[in-house]
Amino acid sequence: MAVTQLTAEEAAAWITDGQAVMLGGFIGSVVPESIIRALGDRYGNDASPRDLTLIFAAGQGDGQGRAANHLARPGMVKRVIGGHWGLVPDLQKLALSNEIEAYNLPQGVISHLLRDTAAGKPGTITTTGLGTFVDPRLEGGKINAITREDLVSVLNLNGEEYLFYQRLPVDMAILRGTTADENGNITMEDECLVVENLAAAQAARNQGGKVVVQVKRVVPAGTLDPHSIKIPGIFVDAIVLCHDDGEHMQTFATRFNPDFVGRARAGTQPSGCTVGDSGPDQLDAKTIIARRAAQELTPGAVLNLGIGVPEHIAIVAGKLGMLGRMTLTVEPGAIGGLPASGLDFGASRHPQAIITQDQMFDFYDGGGIDQAFLGLAQCSARGDINVSRFGDKLPGCGGFINISQHAKSLFFCGTFTAAGLEVAVRNGELAILKEGRQNKFVETVEQITFSAARAVQTRQTVRYITERAVFRLEPQGLVLEEIAPGVDLERDILAHMSFTPVMDPGLSLMPAEIFSPRFGQKNTSIAGCG
């Protein structure tokens, strides 16, 4: 049966007051921008639809008006259930000013909720989130005072604690693919990710909702390889053919990069698989941290590198010729290759495979990550980490809770202080030229995104790596085990902590080679990046 073809404006008109709308995409990848923009325009013109519930696993946006930011209008949105909030500042404002009900749930949990909702289950049972702000004994994932309904509860099964997340209502799923045939079968050959498109489509269809997919081409029925279909036509109610290339970019930073879908020209070296200049690194704080973290890399390991400082670890590891001996993964689904950064984050150059986001979090939640290197924004005396909320700033947890809670070995990487820190290396010693204005090591964190108590209970290996000190997690709290050469323990470390860490009896200097200008110059190619 031929699928209905709509304009973006006609698709937006399908949505009615009070509906729950699932938005597909990851930052700027696989985002149905033309439909979401048309939906925002419709409300601007007609003040309709009103009181929507928005659902997204990862945040979609660029912080400057695209994707979910189109819908941040008072009266249009009643509730938001989202995994990452960092790139939707206008929605953040509505949430923090108590104008909308708002939840922040783990990204992987939301992707699994879509799948479990599609299967007719009452919700998702998992250990993910125990001991964090998502735990109902703390905040239950609620962002503000007007958000009162409990979406998360504690279950005891066979003597063990779990969290139960309620199923998601999905009246409309707005998704994106590359090619549709006349029967609505969707392929994604030009998309750098698949995300949770199939689960979202099934969740909508099985609850009596509708599915609309933005594509950039339509082909005759029967011409697509059935193995390439990511959303079967039986789940698709309508397609929107996007004629504006600017509203169907591969990411919000890149119109189209064949490297992101593994289609390099024959005979060319994969883009991003060389480190570049083999000269000395600029010995700033990020490079020092990345060098120390790279010394923890294990050959054969499956890795996840977070955004920010952890991204530099791949560069350092490449100069050491180590990346070909490990496999990098990114939570929305890319396996292998070299993860991209900025608004390209989520894509990977020359991935070995791209699976769905819910499948990737199956792997992560089951302990599949050997080593995870994540950001360090705020750390407590007992080792809890906060990366999700700071006063009136609401980045959200994204996939951080899933990744940090289930990785076999975990390394938090970040500068010792924030806001203005300047350092230099002189004769192999670290000098603090200007101290950061904000202390990161505080007695208690504003919000628990990583639970140290849970990590101790599960005997997880955890380290905290900064440019001047390295700590490890023990049952008694944070243990200081290394300091940088040239650093004064009292003046440069303890004076900028709100607590006194446990001192390792074998307290030592960080390895001298980290502070050498010739570190990693021998090998400049990233072997096996493709």
Protein backbone atom coordinates (compact mmCIF):
# COMPACT_ATOMS: atom_id res chain seq x y z
CA MET A 1 0.00 0.00 0.00
CA ALA A 2 1.37 3.40 -0.97
CA VAL A 3 2.48 5.53 1.96
CA THR A 4 1.04 9.04 2.39
CA GLN A 5 3.37 11.87 1.33
CA LEU A 6 3.06 15.15 3.20
CA THR A 7 4.76 18.50 3.32
CA ALA A 8 6.44 19.40 6.62
CA GLU A 9 3.56 21.78 7.32
CA GLU A 10 0.96 19.08 6.66
CA ALA A 11 2.81 16.69 8.96
CA ALA A 12 2.88 19.31 11.72
CA ALA A 13 -0.90 19.67 11.34
CA TRP A 14 -1.34 16.00 12.30
CA ILE A 15 -0.34 16.76 15.90
CA THR A 16 -3.16 17.74 18.25
CA ASP A 17 -3.39 19.26 21.72
CA GLY A 18 -2.14 17.16 24.60
CA GLN A 19 -0.33 14.53 22.54
CA ALA A 20 2.96 12.88 23.49
CA VAL A 21 5.52 13.42 20.71
CA MET A 22 8.72 11.40 20.37
CA LEU A 23 11.53 13.34 18.66
CA GLY A 24 14.20 11.22 16.99
CA GLY A 25 17.85 12.20 16.67
CA PHE A 26 21.13 12.73 18.52
CA ILE A 27 22.37 16.33 18.84
CA GLY A 28 22.21 17.19 15.11
CA SER A 29 22.35 13.68 13.63
CA VAL A 30 19.21 12.00 12.25
CA VAL A 31 17.14 15.03 13.32
CA PRO A 32 13.89 15.60 11.33
CA GLU A 33 14.57 19.33 11.28
CA SER A 34 12.03 20.35 8.64
CA ILE A 35 9.10 18.77 10.50
CA ILE A 36 10.13 20.08 13.92
CA ARG A 37 10.65 23.57 12.50
CA ALA A 38 7.23 23.44 10.84
CA LEU A 39 5.65 22.36 14.13
CA GLY A 40 7.19 25.33 15.92
CA ASP A 41 6.07 27.68 13.14
CA ARG A 42 2.53 26.32 13.36
CA TYR A 43 2.33 27.17 17.05
CA GLY A 44 3.78 30.61 16.37
CA ASN A 45 1.03 31.28 13.83
CA ASP A 46 -1.95 29.48 15.35
CA ALA A 47 -1.09 28.92 19.05
CA SER A 48 -1.67 25.23 18.33
CA PRO A 49 -1.00 22.48 19.28
CA ARG A 50 -0.86 23.08 23.04
CA ASP A 51 0.16 21.10 26.14
CA LEU A 52 2.41 18.62 24.35
CA THR A 53 4.63 16.06 26.06
CA LEU A 54 8.03 15.93 24.36
CA ILE A 55 10.18 12.81 24.62
CA PHE A 56 13.78 12.47 23.46
CA ALA A 57 16.50 10.00 24.47
CA ALA A 58 19.43 12.19 23.52
CA GLY A 59 19.06 15.94 23.24
CA GLN A 60 18.52 17.37 19.78
CA GLY A 61 19.77 20.87 19.15
CA ASP A 62 22.68 23.19 18.61
CA GLY A 63 21.92 25.64 21.40
CA GLN A 64 20.97 28.28 18.84
CA GLY A 65 17.40 27.55 17.80
CA ARG A 66 17.41 24.29 15.86
CA ALA A 67 15.72 20.94 16.56
CA ALA A 68 13.82 20.78 19.87
CA ASN A 69 14.56 24.47 20.48
CA HIS A 70 11.84 25.27 17.90
CA LEU A 71 9.29 23.92 20.37
CA ALA A 72 10.38 25.82 23.48
CA ARG A 73 7.29 28.01 23.57
CA PRO A 74 5.16 28.69 26.67
CA GLY A 75 1.82 26.94 26.31
CA MET A 76 3.00 24.61 23.55
CA VAL A 77 4.79 22.22 25.88
CA LYS A 78 3.39 20.85 29.13
CA ARG A 79 5.98 18.17 29.94
CA VAL A 80 9.43 17.07 28.74
CA ILE A 81 11.06 13.69 29.36
CA GLY A 82 14.63 13.96 28.10
CA GLY A 83 18.02 12.34 28.48
CA HIS A 84 20.24 15.31 27.61
CA TRP A 85 19.30 18.97 28.03
CA GLY A 86 22.55 20.75 27.27
CA LEU A 87 21.72 21.91 23.73
CA VAL A 88 18.13 22.99 24.36
CA PRO A 89 18.64 26.15 26.46
CA ASP A 90 15.15 27.53 25.84
CA LEU A 91 13.54 24.33 27.11
CA GLN A 92 15.91 24.50 30.07
CA LYS A 93 14.60 27.97 30.92
CA LEU A 94 11.01 26.76 30.87
CA ALA A 95 11.91 23.85 33.12
CA LEU A 96 14.01 25.83 35.60
CA SER A 97 11.34 28.55 35.88
CA ASN A 98 8.64 25.98 36.70
CA GLU A 99 6.71 26.70 33.50
CA ILE A 100 6.70 23.06 32.36
CA GLU A 101 6.92 19.66 34.02
CA ALA A 102 10.37 18.23 33.33
CA TYR A 103 12.25 14.98 33.85
CA ASN A 104 15.86 14.01 33.23
CA LEU A 105 16.21 10.24 32.82
CA PRO A 106 19.24 8.24 31.62
CA GLN A 107 19.55 8.22 27.84
CA GLY A 108 19.88 4.45 27.68
CA VAL A 109 16.85 3.95 29.88
CA ILE A 110 14.70 6.10 27.57
CA SER A 111 15.83 4.11 24.53
CA HIS A 112 14.95 0.88 26.35
CA LEU A 113 11.62 2.31 27.52
CA LEU A 114 10.66 2.89 23.90
CA ARG A 115 11.40 -0.72 23.06
CA ASP A 116 9.63 -2.08 26.15
CA THR A 117 6.65 0.19 25.51
CA ALA A 118 6.46 -1.18 21.97
CA ALA A 119 6.45 -4.69 23.41
CA GLY A 120 3.46 -3.89 25.63
CA LYS A 121 5.46 -4.12 28.86
CA PRO A 122 4.58 -1.89 31.81
CA GLY A 123 8.03 -0.34 31.78
CA THR A 124 11.74 -1.07 32.19
CA ILE A 125 13.43 -2.77 35.16
CA THR A 126 17.13 -2.01 35.57
CA THR A 127 19.81 -1.20 38.10
CA THR A 128 20.74 1.88 36.06
CA GLY A 129 20.28 5.00 38.17
CA LEU A 130 20.44 3.42 41.63
CA GLY A 131 22.04 5.87 44.05
CA THR A 132 21.92 8.75 41.56
CA PHE A 133 19.52 11.71 41.33
CA VAL A 134 17.21 9.47 39.28
CA ASP A 135 16.64 7.21 42.29
CA PRO A 136 13.22 8.16 43.75
CA ARG A 137 14.77 8.21 47.23
CA LEU A 138 16.74 11.24 46.01
CA GLU A 139 15.07 13.23 43.20
CA GLY A 140 13.39 10.66 40.98
CA GLY A 141 14.69 12.44 37.89
CA LYS A 142 12.40 15.42 38.52
CA ILE A 143 13.86 18.76 37.50
CA ASN A 144 11.57 21.22 39.28
CA ALA A 145 8.96 21.69 41.99
CA ILE A 146 5.87 21.44 39.77
CA THR A 147 6.93 18.00 38.51
CA ARG A 148 5.18 15.70 40.94
CA GLU A 149 4.24 12.46 39.17
CA ASP A 150 6.61 9.61 40.01
CA LEU A 151 7.94 7.93 36.87
CA VAL A 152 10.53 5.89 38.77
CA SER A 153 10.10 3.51 41.71
CA VAL A 154 12.24 0.99 43.61
CA LEU A 155 11.65 -2.75 43.23
CA ASN A 156 13.11 -5.63 45.21
CA LEU A 157 13.54 -8.80 43.19
CA ASN A 158 15.15 -11.89 44.69
CA GLY A 159 16.71 -9.76 47.41
CA GLU A 160 18.25 -7.20 45.05
CA GLU A 161 17.21 -3.61 44.37
CA TYR A 162 16.19 -2.37 40.94
CA LEU A 163 14.57 0.75 39.54
CA PHE A 164 11.31 0.49 37.63
CA TYR A 165 10.72 3.16 34.97
CA GLN A 166 7.14 3.54 33.73
CA ARG A 167 6.35 3.01 30.06
CA LEU A 168 6.25 6.04 27.77
CA PRO A 169 3.16 7.35 26.00
CA VAL A 170 3.89 7.93 22.31
CA ASP A 171 1.06 9.41 20.21
CA MET A 172 3.35 10.62 17.44
CA ALA A 173 6.92 9.69 16.49
CA ILE A 174 8.76 12.21 14.30
CA LEU A 175 11.79 10.45 12.82
CA ARG A 176 14.28 10.67 9.96
CA GLY A 177 15.77 8.37 7.36
CA THR A 178 17.52 8.71 4.00
CA THR A 179 15.40 6.92 1.41
CA ALA A 180 11.77 5.81 1.40
CA ASP A 181 10.13 3.58 -1.14
CA GLU A 182 6.53 4.13 -2.18
CA ASN A 183 5.35 1.75 0.55
CA GLY A 184 7.10 3.69 3.30
CA ASN A 185 10.04 1.35 3.88
CA ILE A 186 12.91 3.48 5.17
CA THR A 187 16.67 3.09 4.72
CA MET A 188 19.37 5.17 6.42
CA GLU A 189 22.41 4.80 4.18
CA ASP A 190 23.47 8.46 4.43
CA GLU A 191 22.78 8.80 8.16
CA CYS A 192 25.71 8.51 10.54
CA LEU A 193 23.47 6.87 13.18
CA VAL A 194 20.34 4.75 13.42
CA VAL A 195 19.50 5.72 17.05
CA GLU A 196 16.23 4.24 18.36
CA ASN A 197 14.13 4.81 15.25
CA LEU A 198 12.65 1.32 15.00
CA ALA A 199 11.75 1.15 18.70
CA ALA A 200 10.13 4.58 18.55
CA ALA A 201 8.10 3.70 15.45
CA GLN A 202 6.89 0.47 17.01
CA ALA A 203 6.04 2.19 20.30
CA ALA A 204 3.86 4.72 18.49
CA ARG A 205 2.18 2.21 16.22
CA ASN A 206 1.41 -0.29 18.98
CA GLN A 207 -0.23 2.44 21.09
CA GLY A 208 -2.46 3.60 18.26
CA GLY A 209 -0.22 6.56 17.41
CA LYS A 210 1.27 7.73 14.12
CA VAL A 211 4.77 7.75 12.64
CA VAL A 212 6.07 10.40 10.25
CA VAL A 213 9.54 10.13 8.75
CA GLN A 214 11.55 12.85 7.01
CA VAL A 215 13.57 11.56 4.04
CA LYS A 216 15.54 13.09 1.19
CA ARG A 217 14.47 10.79 -1.64
CA VAL A 218 11.65 8.46 -2.68
CA VAL A 219 12.15 5.41 -4.93
CA PRO A 220 9.75 2.89 -6.50
CA ALA A 221 8.40 0.08 -4.33
CA GLY A 222 10.46 -3.10 -4.45
CA THR A 223 13.76 -1.40 -5.34
CA LEU A 224 15.29 -1.32 -1.84
CA ASP A 225 17.32 -4.20 -0.41
CA PRO A 226 15.17 -5.61 2.43
CA HIS A 227 18.31 -6.07 4.54
CA SER A 228 18.86 -2.31 4.39
CA ILE A 229 15.43 -1.37 5.75
CA LYS A 230 15.69 0.22 9.21
CA ILE A 231 12.01 1.21 9.61
CA PRO A 232 9.59 -1.14 7.79
CA GLY A 233 6.73 0.54 5.96
CA ILE A 234 4.11 -1.21 8.09
CA PHE A 235 5.10 1.16 10.93
CA VAL A 236 5.13 4.35 8.83
CA ASP A 237 2.00 6.47 8.33
CA ALA A 238 3.55 9.25 6.26
CA ILE A 239 6.80 10.54 4.83
CA VAL A 240 8.00 14.10 4.32
CA LEU A 241 10.34 14.65 1.40
CA CYS A 242 12.80 17.31 2.53
CA HIS A 243 13.90 19.51 -0.38
CA ASP A 244 16.07 21.81 1.76
CA ASP A 245 19.54 20.31 2.16
CA GLY A 246 20.11 22.63 5.12
CA GLU A 247 17.31 20.86 6.98
CA HIS A 248 18.66 17.39 6.21
CA MET A 249 22.33 17.79 7.09
CA GLN A 250 24.17 14.70 8.23
CA THR A 251 24.96 16.54 11.47
CA PHE A 252 24.49 20.16 12.52
CA ALA A 253 28.17 20.71 11.68
CA THR A 254 28.50 18.68 8.46
CA ARG A 255 26.28 18.49 5.37
CA PHE A 256 27.65 15.10 4.39
CA ASN A 257 30.88 13.29 5.17
CA PRO A 258 31.30 9.86 3.55
CA ASP A 259 33.74 8.94 6.33
CA PHE A 260 30.82 8.92 8.80
CA VAL A 261 29.16 6.07 6.90
CA GLY A 262 32.36 4.25 5.93
CA ARG A 263 32.34 5.25 2.27
CA ALA A 264 35.87 6.58 1.67
CA ARG A 265 37.16 6.67 -1.89
CA ALA A 266 39.30 3.66 -2.82
CA GLY A 267 43.00 4.23 -2.36
CA THR A 268 42.64 7.12 0.06
CA GLN A 269 43.64 7.08 3.70
CA PRO A 270 40.63 7.26 6.02
CA SER A 271 40.07 10.84 7.12
CA GLY A 272 40.76 11.35 10.80
CA CYS A 273 43.09 8.35 11.05
CA THR A 274 46.22 10.44 11.23
CA VAL A 275 47.10 12.58 14.14
CA GLY A 276 48.74 15.21 11.99
CA ASP A 277 51.73 17.27 13.09
CA SER A 278 54.32 15.06 14.78
CA GLY A 279 55.86 18.03 16.55
CA PRO A 280 55.64 18.70 20.27
CA ASP A 281 52.25 18.98 21.91
CA GLN A 282 51.17 22.18 23.57
CA LEU A 283 51.53 21.13 27.19
CA ASP A 284 48.25 22.51 28.48
CA ALA A 285 46.14 20.92 31.20
CA LYS A 286 43.99 18.90 28.79
CA THR A 287 47.03 17.34 27.12
CA ILE A 288 48.61 16.43 30.44
CA ILE A 289 45.38 14.78 31.61
CA ALA A 290 45.00 12.90 28.32
CA ARG A 291 48.60 11.67 28.50
CA ARG A 292 48.12 10.33 32.01
CA ALA A 293 44.80 8.74 31.06
CA ALA A 294 46.36 7.13 27.97
CA GLN A 295 48.72 5.25 30.27
CA GLU A 296 45.68 3.40 31.61
CA LEU A 297 44.62 2.13 28.17
CA THR A 298 44.53 -1.64 27.84
CA PRO A 299 45.22 -3.37 24.48
CA GLY A 300 42.13 -5.20 23.24
CA ALA A 301 39.76 -3.09 25.33
CA VAL A 302 36.37 -1.79 24.21
CA LEU A 303 36.25 1.90 25.12
CA ASN A 304 33.88 4.79 25.54
CA LEU A 305 35.34 8.30 25.53
CA GLY A 306 33.13 11.10 26.79
CA ILE A 307 33.04 14.65 25.48
CA GLY A 308 35.42 17.36 26.64
CA VAL A 309 38.82 16.42 28.04
CA PRO A 310 38.35 12.65 27.32
CA GLU A 311 38.21 13.41 23.57
CA HIS A 312 41.91 14.31 23.70
CA ILE A 313 42.81 10.78 24.81
CA ALA A 314 42.25 9.48 21.27
CA ILE A 315 44.74 12.04 19.92
CA VAL A 316 47.36 11.08 22.48
CA ALA A 317 46.75 7.36 21.97
CA GLY A 318 47.11 7.87 18.23
CA LYS A 319 50.53 9.43 18.67
CA LEU A 320 51.51 6.39 20.67
CA GLY A 321 50.26 4.07 17.90
CA MET A 322 47.78 2.47 20.32
CA LEU A 323 44.33 3.02 18.81
CA GLY A 324 44.54 0.11 16.40
CA ARG A 325 44.71 -2.19 19.41
CA MET A 326 41.45 -0.98 20.93
CA THR A 327 37.86 -0.43 19.82
CA LEU A 328 36.20 2.92 20.42
CA THR A 329 32.41 3.03 20.73
CA VAL A 330 29.89 5.87 20.97
CA GLU A 331 26.62 5.43 22.87
CA PRO A 332 24.19 6.18 20.00
CA GLY A 333 25.52 3.19 18.08
CA ALA A 334 28.88 3.57 16.28
CA ILE A 335 31.45 0.82 16.86
CA GLY A 336 35.08 1.29 15.84
CA GLY A 337 36.66 4.13 13.91
CA LEU A 338 37.41 7.51 15.42
CA PRO A 339 34.60 9.37 17.25
CA ALA A 340 33.90 12.90 16.02
CA SER A 341 33.58 15.90 18.32
CA GLY A 342 31.58 19.11 18.74
CA LEU A 343 28.26 19.16 16.86
CA ASP A 344 29.49 16.07 14.98
CA PHE A 345 29.63 14.12 18.25
CA GLY A 346 27.83 10.80 17.94
CA ALA A 347 29.27 10.11 14.50
CA SER A 348 32.52 8.20 13.98
CA ARG A 349 34.92 8.34 11.08
CA HIS A 350 35.10 4.92 9.41
CA PRO A 351 33.06 2.91 11.91
CA GLN A 352 33.21 -0.86 11.69
CA ALA A 353 29.48 -1.08 12.42
CA ILE A 354 26.51 1.08 13.40
CA ILE A 355 23.86 -0.51 15.59
CA THR A 356 20.76 0.99 17.18
CA GLN A 357 21.06 3.05 20.37
CA ASP A 358 18.94 0.64 22.43
CA GLN A 359 21.18 -2.23 21.28
CA MET A 360 24.31 -0.29 22.25
CA PHE A 361 22.92 0.35 25.71
CA ASP A 362 22.09 -3.36 26.03
CA PHE A 363 25.80 -3.95 25.53
CA TYR A 364 26.81 -1.13 27.89
CA ASP A 365 24.38 -2.02 30.67
CA GLY A 366 25.52 -5.64 30.57
CA GLY A 367 29.10 -4.61 31.34
CA GLY A 368 30.44 -4.59 27.78
CA ILE A 369 32.62 -1.51 28.18
CA ASP A 370 36.06 -2.47 29.44
CA GLN A 371 37.19 1.11 30.05
CA ALA A 372 35.25 4.37 30.09
CA PHE A 373 36.91 7.80 30.23
CA LEU A 374 34.38 10.47 31.20
CA GLY A 375 34.36 14.10 32.26
CA LEU A 376 34.99 15.38 35.77
CA ALA A 377 32.92 18.44 36.60
CA GLN A 378 32.31 18.19 40.35
CA CYS A 379 33.53 15.53 42.79
CA SER A 380 32.61 14.92 46.44
CA ALA A 381 34.65 13.63 49.38
CA ARG A 382 33.17 10.16 48.98
CA GLY A 383 33.78 10.14 45.21
CA ASP A 384 30.35 11.04 43.82
CA ILE A 385 30.42 12.90 40.48
CA ASN A 386 28.05 15.60 39.22
CA VAL A 387 27.96 16.47 35.52
CA SER A 388 24.22 17.02 35.17
CA ARG A 389 23.18 20.15 37.07
CA PHE A 390 24.92 23.29 38.33
CA GLY A 391 22.59 25.94 39.71
CA ASP A 392 20.65 27.33 36.76
CA LYS A 393 22.61 25.22 34.25
CA LEU A 394 21.06 21.89 33.28
CA PRO A 395 23.27 19.81 30.98
CA GLY A 396 21.44 16.64 31.97
CA CYS A 397 22.86 13.17 32.38
CA GLY A 398 22.66 11.88 28.80
CA GLY A 399 24.28 8.45 28.66
CA PHE A 400 26.63 9.24 31.56
CA ILE A 401 24.73 7.19 34.16
CA ASN A 402 24.52 4.07 31.99
CA ILE A 403 28.17 4.30 30.98
CA SER A 404 29.66 5.21 34.35
CA GLN A 405 27.63 2.70 36.33
CA HIS A 406 28.32 -0.33 34.17
CA ALA A 407 31.87 0.04 32.78
CA LYS A 408 34.33 -2.44 34.21
CA SER A 409 36.97 0.28 34.76
CA LEU A 410 36.13 3.94 35.00
CA PHE A 411 38.29 7.05 34.72
CA PHE A 412 36.99 10.56 35.37
CA CYS A 413 39.18 13.09 33.56
CA GLY A 414 39.17 16.84 34.06
CA THR A 415 41.07 19.84 35.33
CA PHE A 416 41.56 20.20 39.08
CA THR A 417 39.86 23.61 39.17
CA ALA A 418 37.67 25.38 36.61
CA ALA A 419 37.07 28.86 35.18
CA GLY A 420 40.39 30.46 34.27
CA LEU A 421 42.98 27.79 35.09
CA GLU A 422 46.33 28.32 33.35
CA VAL A 423 49.28 25.96 33.67
CA ALA A 424 52.69 25.48 32.10
CA VAL A 425 55.40 22.84 32.10
CA ARG A 426 58.91 24.03 32.91
CA ASN A 427 61.87 21.66 32.97
CA GLY A 428 59.61 18.67 33.46
CA GLU A 429 57.60 20.22 36.28
CA LEU A 430 54.05 21.56 36.39
CA ALA A 431 53.58 25.24 37.23
CA ILE A 432 50.18 26.70 38.13
CA LEU A 433 50.25 30.13 36.45
CA LYS A 434 46.69 31.08 37.32
CA GLU A 435 44.36 29.11 39.52
CA GLY A 436 40.78 28.40 38.42
CA ARG A 437 38.09 30.37 40.19
CA GLN A 438 35.91 27.33 40.88
CA ASN A 439 36.87 24.37 43.03
CA LYS A 440 35.69 21.04 41.66
CA PHE A 441 36.49 18.90 44.70
CA VAL A 442 33.72 19.76 47.17
CA GLU A 443 32.30 18.15 50.30
CA THR A 444 29.04 17.22 48.56
CA VAL A 445 28.01 17.60 44.91
CA GLU A 446 24.92 19.52 43.81
CA GLN A 447 23.49 16.43 42.13
CA ILE A 448 24.68 12.82 42.09
CA THR A 449 25.16 11.67 38.50
CA PHE A 450 27.62 8.92 39.53
CA SER A 451 27.16 7.13 42.84
CA ALA A 452 30.43 6.21 44.53
CA ALA A 453 28.56 4.09 47.06
CA ARG A 454 27.11 2.00 44.26
CA ALA A 455 30.56 1.65 42.66
CA VAL A 456 32.06 0.47 45.95
CA GLN A 457 29.22 -2.01 46.37
CA THR A 458 29.82 -3.48 42.90
CA ARG A 459 33.64 -3.33 43.32
CA GLN A 460 34.10 -1.14 40.29
CA THR A 461 37.61 0.19 39.58
CA VAL A 462 37.42 4.01 39.59
CA ARG A 463 40.12 6.67 39.19
CA TYR A 464 40.00 10.47 38.98
CA ILE A 465 42.70 12.02 36.78
CA THR A 466 43.60 15.72 36.79
CA GLU A 467 46.62 17.66 35.56
CA ARG A 468 48.13 17.78 39.06
CA ALA A 469 46.73 14.84 41.00
CA VAL A 470 45.37 11.33 40.57
CA PHE A 471 42.91 9.79 43.03
CA ARG A 472 41.29 6.36 43.31
CA LEU A 473 38.02 5.32 44.90
CA GLU A 474 38.09 3.21 48.05
CA PRO A 475 35.32 2.42 50.59
CA GLN A 476 36.64 5.20 52.83
CA GLY A 477 36.40 7.76 50.02
CA LEU A 478 38.84 9.50 47.71
CA VAL A 479 42.47 8.39 48.06
CA LEU A 480 45.25 10.63 46.71
CA GLU A 481 47.85 8.42 45.05
CA GLU A 482 49.84 10.68 42.66
CA ILE A 483 50.79 14.35 42.42
CA ALA A 484 52.53 16.18 39.58
CA PRO A 485 56.22 17.06 39.84
CA GLY A 486 56.64 20.68 40.86
CA VAL A 487 53.29 20.80 42.64
CA ASP A 488 53.10 21.64 46.35
CA LEU A 489 50.69 19.31 48.16
CA GLU A 490 49.36 21.92 50.58
CA ARG A 491 49.37 25.01 48.35
CA ASP A 492 48.28 23.53 45.02
CA ILE A 493 46.06 20.61 46.03
CA LEU A 494 44.69 20.59 49.57
CA ALA A 495 44.10 24.35 49.64
CA HIS A 496 41.69 23.98 46.70
CA MET A 497 39.65 21.08 48.11
CA SER A 498 36.71 21.37 50.49
CA PHE A 499 37.80 18.15 52.20
CA THR A 500 41.02 16.30 52.97
CA PRO A 501 41.38 13.11 50.94
CA VAL A 502 42.85 9.91 52.32
CA MET A 503 46.59 9.86 51.67
CA ASP A 504 48.02 6.78 50.02
CA PRO A 505 51.05 5.61 52.06
CA GLY A 506 52.81 5.14 48.74
CA LEU A 507 51.96 8.64 47.44
CA SER A 508 54.16 9.18 44.38
CA LEU A 509 54.86 11.58 41.53
CA MET A 510 52.92 11.30 38.28
CA PRO A 511 55.11 9.67 35.57
CA ALA A 512 57.82 12.06 34.36
CA GLU A 513 57.24 11.30 30.64
CA ILE A 514 53.83 12.97 30.84
CA PHE A 515 55.59 16.31 31.26
CA SER A 516 58.15 15.77 28.50
CA PRO A 517 57.81 17.76 25.23
CA ARG A 518 58.82 14.65 23.26
CA PHE A 519 56.04 12.42 24.59
CA GLY A 520 54.55 10.24 21.83
CA GLN A 521 56.47 11.62 18.84
CA LYS A 522 57.62 8.29 17.43
CA ASN A 523 54.26 7.06 16.12
CA THR A 524 51.94 9.57 14.48
CA SER A 525 49.47 7.31 12.65
CA ILE A 526 46.42 5.75 14.21
CA ALA A 527 46.94 2.18 13.15
CA GLY A 528 43.83 0.24 12.22
CA CYS A 529 41.47 3.20 12.50
CA GLY A 530 39.33 1.84 9.70
